[in-house]
């Protein structure tokens, strides 16, 4: 029988792990975070989105650990709705540039507060949500203003595993990463 590797190789700075403890909900932007930020249209004007499977699996792992993924986005499209449905994301607000009231309504519905939230965004509309959250995150290719307020900047770009890196951080900080990894290796 082949030997499995169950010791996590992923490491995060202790101060970042401490900051990420107790996060119960994560707000994600879509374009530039869950996607690469490119806007792709068919000849008929239909929107096409490219999502990363690493990010999707990270969102599923958050749910297994009891951390709620939520999406607050300025856009709406059939591909986005389909992907979020496939991932089981239940808390979504589409088509809003004013993201704080949308996120606040999700927090209220969950009985949570901003000090239990993380937010990942890549551009100015995400800044107020990021600034209110206990943990502000940005993909490495985010706008400079978002990078300036981020507590955690991923090494992966938006749409290319950035969401998964945040998920891994949260799972590690809240004591779920090693157990989930081990369960997959059984």
Protein backbone atom coordinates (compact mmCIF):
# COMPACT_ATOMS: atom_id res chain seq x y z
CA UNK A 1 0.00 0.00 0.00
CA UNK A 2 1.45 3.42 -0.94
CA UNK A 3 2.20 5.80 1.87
CA UNK A 4 0.15 9.00 2.05
CA UNK A 5 1.38 12.45 2.93
CA UNK A 6 -0.93 13.86 5.61
CA UNK A 7 1.16 16.66 7.10
CA UNK A 8 0.12 19.98 5.55
CA UNK A 9 2.93 21.70 3.67
CA UNK A 10 1.17 25.05 3.58
CA UNK A 11 2.45 27.70 6.01
CA UNK A 12 1.15 31.15 6.92
CA UNK A 13 2.61 33.82 9.22
CA UNK A 14 1.34 33.46 12.79
CA UNK A 15 0.00 37.04 12.91
CA UNK A 16 -2.06 36.37 9.78
CA UNK A 17 -3.40 33.10 11.21
CA UNK A 18 -4.38 34.94 14.38
CA UNK A 19 -6.21 37.61 12.39
CA UNK A 20 -8.06 34.92 10.39
CA UNK A 21 -9.31 33.03 13.44
CA UNK A 22 -13.02 33.27 14.09
CA UNK A 23 -13.97 34.20 10.53
CA UNK A 24 -17.46 32.79 9.90
CA UNK A 25 -18.34 34.34 6.54
CA UNK A 26 -16.30 35.35 3.49
CA UNK A 27 -17.48 37.91 0.95
CA UNK A 28 -16.15 37.42 -2.56
CA UNK A 29 -16.33 39.77 -5.51
CA UNK A 30 -16.61 38.00 -8.87
CA UNK A 31 -14.83 39.76 -11.73
CA UNK A 32 -11.13 39.88 -10.88
CA UNK A 33 -11.53 37.56 -7.88
CA UNK A 34 -13.51 34.45 -8.89
CA UNK A 35 -12.65 35.18 -12.52
CA UNK A 36 -9.62 36.75 -14.20
CA UNK A 37 -11.53 39.99 -14.64
CA UNK A 38 -11.80 39.68 -18.40
CA UNK A 39 -15.18 40.32 -19.96
CA UNK A 40 -15.86 37.76 -22.66
CA UNK A 41 -18.88 37.98 -24.95
CA UNK A 42 -20.17 35.73 -27.71
CA UNK A 43 -21.17 37.19 -31.06
CA UNK A 44 -24.73 37.23 -29.72
CA UNK A 45 -23.75 39.38 -26.72
CA UNK A 46 -23.89 36.55 -24.18
CA UNK A 47 -21.41 36.75 -21.33
CA UNK A 48 -18.88 33.95 -20.92
CA UNK A 49 -17.05 33.42 -17.62
CA UNK A 50 -13.99 31.34 -16.81
CA UNK A 51 -13.82 29.93 -13.29
CA UNK A 52 -10.95 28.07 -11.63
CA UNK A 53 -11.64 24.61 -10.20
CA UNK A 54 -9.16 25.18 -7.36
CA UNK A 55 -11.23 28.16 -6.25
CA UNK A 56 -14.43 26.16 -6.50
CA UNK A 57 -13.06 23.33 -4.40
CA UNK A 58 -11.84 25.84 -1.82
CA UNK A 59 -15.37 27.23 -1.52
CA UNK A 60 -16.72 23.71 -1.01
CA UNK A 61 -14.10 23.11 1.69
CA UNK A 62 -15.15 26.30 3.48
CA UNK A 63 -18.70 25.02 3.56
CA UNK A 64 -17.56 21.67 4.99
CA UNK A 65 -15.78 23.61 7.75
CA UNK A 66 -18.87 25.70 8.55
CA UNK A 67 -17.52 28.93 7.04
CA UNK A 68 -20.13 30.62 4.84
CA UNK A 69 -19.06 31.76 1.37
CA UNK A 70 -21.04 34.77 0.13
CA UNK A 71 -20.86 36.67 -3.14
CA UNK A 72 -21.51 40.38 -3.59
CA UNK A 73 -21.04 41.47 -7.18
CA UNK A 74 -21.74 44.37 -9.48
CA UNK A 75 -22.66 42.04 -12.34
CA UNK A 76 -25.16 39.34 -13.08
CA UNK A 77 -25.01 36.62 -15.69
CA UNK A 78 -26.36 33.16 -16.39
CA UNK A 79 -22.87 31.56 -16.23
CA UNK A 80 -22.24 33.15 -12.83
CA UNK A 81 -25.58 32.00 -11.46
CA UNK A 82 -24.96 28.48 -12.74
CA UNK A 83 -21.47 28.28 -11.20
CA UNK A 84 -22.60 29.56 -7.81
CA UNK A 85 -25.52 27.13 -7.86
CA UNK A 86 -23.10 24.27 -8.66
CA UNK A 87 -20.97 25.30 -5.68
CA UNK A 88 -23.97 25.57 -3.36
CA UNK A 89 -23.36 29.24 -2.55
CA UNK A 90 -26.62 30.41 -0.99
CA UNK A 91 -25.84 33.99 -0.02
CA UNK A 92 -25.48 36.09 -3.18
CA UNK A 93 -26.30 39.66 -4.14
CA UNK A 94 -26.07 40.41 -7.87
CA UNK A 95 -25.89 43.72 -9.68
CA UNK A 96 -24.84 46.08 -6.89
CA UNK A 97 -22.05 48.63 -6.83
CA UNK A 98 -22.95 49.61 -3.26
CA UNK A 99 -21.64 46.46 -1.64
CA UNK A 100 -21.73 47.36 2.07
CA UNK A 101 -25.55 47.31 2.43
CA UNK A 102 -25.66 44.04 0.47
CA UNK A 103 -23.03 42.46 2.71
CA UNK A 104 -24.72 43.88 5.81
CA UNK A 105 -28.00 42.21 4.83
CA UNK A 106 -26.18 38.87 4.56
CA UNK A 107 -24.50 39.41 7.93
CA UNK A 108 -27.85 40.25 9.50
CA UNK A 109 -29.50 37.16 7.99
CA UNK A 110 -26.68 35.01 9.42
CA UNK A 111 -26.67 36.76 12.81
CA UNK A 112 -23.04 37.77 12.34
CA UNK A 113 -21.02 40.99 12.56
CA UNK A 114 -18.23 42.54 10.49
CA UNK A 115 -15.63 41.30 13.00
CA UNK A 116 -16.53 37.75 11.92
CA UNK A 117 -16.16 38.49 8.21
CA UNK A 118 -13.44 38.39 5.60
CA UNK A 119 -13.74 40.10 2.22
CA UNK A 120 -11.81 39.63 -1.00
CA UNK A 121 -11.92 42.29 -3.68
CA UNK A 122 -9.84 43.66 -6.50
CA UNK A 123 -11.13 47.15 -7.28
CA UNK A 124 -12.61 50.29 -5.76
CA UNK A 125 -16.23 49.09 -5.34
CA UNK A 126 -14.87 46.41 -2.98
CA UNK A 127 -12.90 48.79 -0.74
CA UNK A 128 -15.67 49.70 1.75
CA UNK A 129 -16.53 46.04 2.28
CA UNK A 130 -12.86 45.13 2.69
CA UNK A 131 -12.24 47.98 5.15
CA UNK A 132 -15.12 46.90 7.41
CA UNK A 133 -14.14 43.24 7.52
CA UNK A 134 -11.90 41.67 10.13
CA UNK A 135 -9.73 40.27 7.33
CA UNK A 136 -9.30 42.18 4.05
CA UNK A 137 -7.90 40.16 1.15
CA UNK A 138 -6.91 40.86 -2.44
CA UNK A 139 -5.50 38.89 -5.35
CA UNK A 140 -1.98 39.97 -6.29
CA UNK A 141 -3.24 41.64 -9.48
CA UNK A 142 -5.79 43.81 -7.67
CA UNK A 143 -5.81 47.60 -7.97
CA UNK A 144 -3.11 49.31 -5.91
CA UNK A 145 -5.67 50.83 -3.50
CA UNK A 146 -7.08 47.40 -2.70
CA UNK A 147 -3.59 46.00 -2.21
CA UNK A 148 -2.89 48.85 0.23
CA UNK A 149 -5.78 47.90 2.55
CA UNK A 150 -5.39 44.13 2.26
CA UNK A 151 -4.22 42.14 5.27
CA UNK A 152 -3.57 39.21 2.95
CA UNK A 153 -2.47 39.47 -0.68
CA UNK A 154 -2.44 36.17 -2.52
CA UNK A 155 0.44 35.07 -4.71
CA UNK A 156 -2.11 33.83 -7.27
CA UNK A 157 -4.01 36.19 -9.54
CA UNK A 158 -7.78 36.56 -9.52
CA UNK A 159 -9.42 33.67 -11.33
CA UNK A 160 -6.22 31.64 -11.05
CA UNK A 161 -6.37 30.22 -7.52
CA UNK A 162 -6.46 33.40 -5.41
CA UNK A 163 -9.75 32.39 -3.79
CA UNK A 164 -8.32 28.96 -2.94
CA UNK A 165 -5.35 30.57 -1.17
CA UNK A 166 -7.73 32.57 1.02
CA UNK A 167 -9.82 29.46 1.68
CA UNK A 168 -6.68 27.55 2.71
CA UNK A 169 -5.69 30.36 5.07
CA UNK A 170 -9.10 30.37 6.73
CA UNK A 171 -9.20 26.58 7.00
CA UNK A 172 -5.73 26.56 8.56
CA UNK A 173 -6.45 29.41 10.98
CA UNK A 174 -9.67 27.79 12.17
CA UNK A 175 -8.18 24.32 12.61
CA UNK A 176 -9.86 22.52 9.70
CA UNK A 177 -7.18 22.26 7.02
CA UNK A 178 -5.23 19.23 8.30
CA UNK A 179 -8.35 17.18 9.01
CA UNK A 180 -9.87 17.91 5.61
CA UNK A 181 -6.59 17.07 3.88
CA UNK A 182 -6.35 13.80 5.78
CA UNK A 183 -9.95 12.87 4.93
CA UNK A 184 -9.20 13.28 1.22
CA UNK A 185 -6.15 11.03 1.50
CA UNK A 186 -8.00 8.09 3.04
